Protein backbone atom coordinates (compact mmCIF):
# COMPACT_ATOMS: atom_id res chain seq x y z
CA MET A 1 -20.94 101.54 134.20
CA ALA A 2 -22.74 98.56 132.67
CA GLU A 3 -25.27 99.18 129.96
CA ILE A 4 -28.83 98.07 130.72
CA LYS A 5 -30.35 95.86 128.04
CA VAL A 6 -34.04 96.56 127.83
CA ARG A 7 -36.16 93.54 127.04
CA SER A 8 -38.83 94.62 124.62
CA LEU A 9 -42.36 95.01 125.97
CA THR A 10 -43.55 94.87 122.36
CA LYS A 11 -42.01 91.42 121.89
CA GLN A 12 -43.73 90.24 125.06
CA ARG A 13 -47.05 91.54 123.75
CA ILE A 14 -46.53 89.86 120.38
CA PHE A 15 -45.69 86.62 122.19
CA GLY A 16 -48.87 87.08 124.26
CA LEU A 17 -50.97 87.56 121.14
CA VAL A 18 -49.51 84.42 119.53
CA LEU A 19 -50.03 82.45 122.75
CA PHE A 20 -53.63 83.68 123.03
CA ILE A 21 -54.47 82.82 119.41
CA LEU A 22 -52.81 79.41 119.72
CA GLY A 23 -54.65 78.66 122.96
CA LEU A 24 -57.99 79.89 121.65
CA SER A 25 -57.83 78.03 118.34
CA LEU A 26 -56.66 74.75 119.84
CA THR A 27 -59.19 74.96 122.68
CA ALA A 28 -61.96 75.45 120.11
CA TRP A 29 -60.63 72.58 118.02
CA PHE A 30 -60.50 70.21 121.01
CA TRP A 31 -64.03 71.28 121.99
CA LEU A 32 -65.25 70.40 118.49
CA ARG A 33 -63.43 67.06 118.65
CA GLY A 34 -64.85 66.37 122.08
CA MET A 35 -68.40 67.18 121.03
CA SER A 36 -68.30 65.30 117.71
CA ASP A 37 -66.17 62.25 118.59
CA GLY A 38 -66.82 62.08 122.31
CA TYR A 39 -63.09 61.69 122.98
CA ILE A 40 -61.17 64.32 124.90
CA TYR A 41 -57.46 64.81 125.30
CA ILE A 42 -56.94 65.37 129.02
CA ASN A 43 -53.65 67.28 128.84
CA ALA A 44 -54.73 69.43 125.90
CA SER A 45 -58.06 70.28 127.49
CA MET A 46 -56.21 71.78 130.46
CA LEU A 47 -53.13 73.19 128.73
CA PHE A 48 -54.54 75.28 125.89
CA PRO A 49 -57.11 77.26 127.92
CA ALA A 50 -54.24 78.05 130.30
CA PHE A 51 -52.26 79.30 127.27
CA MET A 52 -55.12 81.67 126.48
CA ILE A 53 -55.02 83.19 129.96
CA MET A 54 -51.22 83.47 129.90
CA GLY A 55 -51.42 85.14 126.49
CA ILE A 56 -53.87 87.70 127.85
CA GLY A 57 -51.48 88.24 130.74
CA PHE A 58 -48.57 88.99 128.41
CA LEU A 59 -50.76 91.29 126.33
CA LEU A 60 -52.02 93.32 129.27
CA PHE A 61 -49.23 93.01 131.84
CA PRO A 62 -45.80 92.53 130.22
CA ILE A 63 -42.96 92.30 132.71
CA ASP A 64 -41.09 95.60 132.73
CA PRO A 65 -37.31 95.04 132.88
CA ARG A 66 -36.68 98.58 134.12
CA ALA A 67 -38.94 98.03 137.12
CA MET A 68 -37.25 94.67 137.75
CA LYS A 69 -33.83 96.33 137.58
CA LYS A 70 -34.92 99.07 139.97
CA LYS A 71 -36.55 96.75 142.51
CA TRP A 72 -34.44 93.58 142.31
CA GLY A 73 -31.28 94.54 140.43
CA VAL A 74 -32.00 92.09 137.58
CA GLU A 75 -33.69 92.48 134.22
CA LYS A 76 -35.52 89.15 134.17
CA ILE A 77 -37.14 86.95 136.78
CA GLU A 78 -34.54 84.75 138.44
CA SER A 79 -36.42 83.56 141.50
CA VAL A 80 -39.99 82.96 142.58
CA ALA A 81 -39.88 85.98 144.90
CA GLN A 82 -39.39 88.28 141.89
CA ILE A 83 -42.66 87.32 140.17
CA PRO A 84 -44.96 90.37 140.17
CA GLY A 85 -48.21 90.06 142.13
CA ILE A 86 -50.47 90.32 139.09
CA TRP A 87 -48.63 87.38 137.55
CA TRP A 88 -49.44 85.20 140.58
CA ILE A 89 -53.10 85.96 139.91
CA ILE A 90 -52.67 85.16 136.20
CA LEU A 91 -50.90 81.87 136.99
CA ILE A 92 -53.58 80.77 139.46
CA LEU A 93 -56.37 81.85 137.11
CA SER A 94 -54.82 79.93 134.21
CA ILE A 95 -54.64 76.76 136.32
CA ILE A 96 -58.26 77.17 137.43
CA VAL A 97 -59.47 77.82 133.87
CA GLY A 98 -57.55 74.81 132.56
CA ILE A 99 -58.94 72.45 135.19
CA GLY A 100 -62.42 73.95 134.81
CA ASN A 101 -62.32 73.44 131.04
CA TYR A 102 -61.39 69.80 131.54
CA PHE A 103 -64.30 69.18 133.92
CA ILE A 104 -66.80 70.98 131.68
CA LEU A 105 -65.58 69.14 128.59
CA SER A 106 -65.55 65.76 130.34
CA SER A 107 -69.10 66.21 131.63
CA GLN A 108 -70.51 66.63 128.10
């Protein structure tokens, strides 16, 4: 019988914390640059707020490899159908927050 390798939930949470801190700090930095210089970076203004939301997602809802193995027979996501429902919400929310941040920053 094959041994099941368990992907660490702690590593996912650490990755989420790093992603959140990176997204938060760079979003704040680009806001300061946008307010002081009046120049915004379009890609960065959408990307880093999305990183914040994804980081929160990894902190609160790490993907459990045991549940994936039980339900799908795999330990990691291999197709779009295997993405958990909460992660669809997190993905959509991160896109909305990123686009919203761009529009708010560009209107200043």
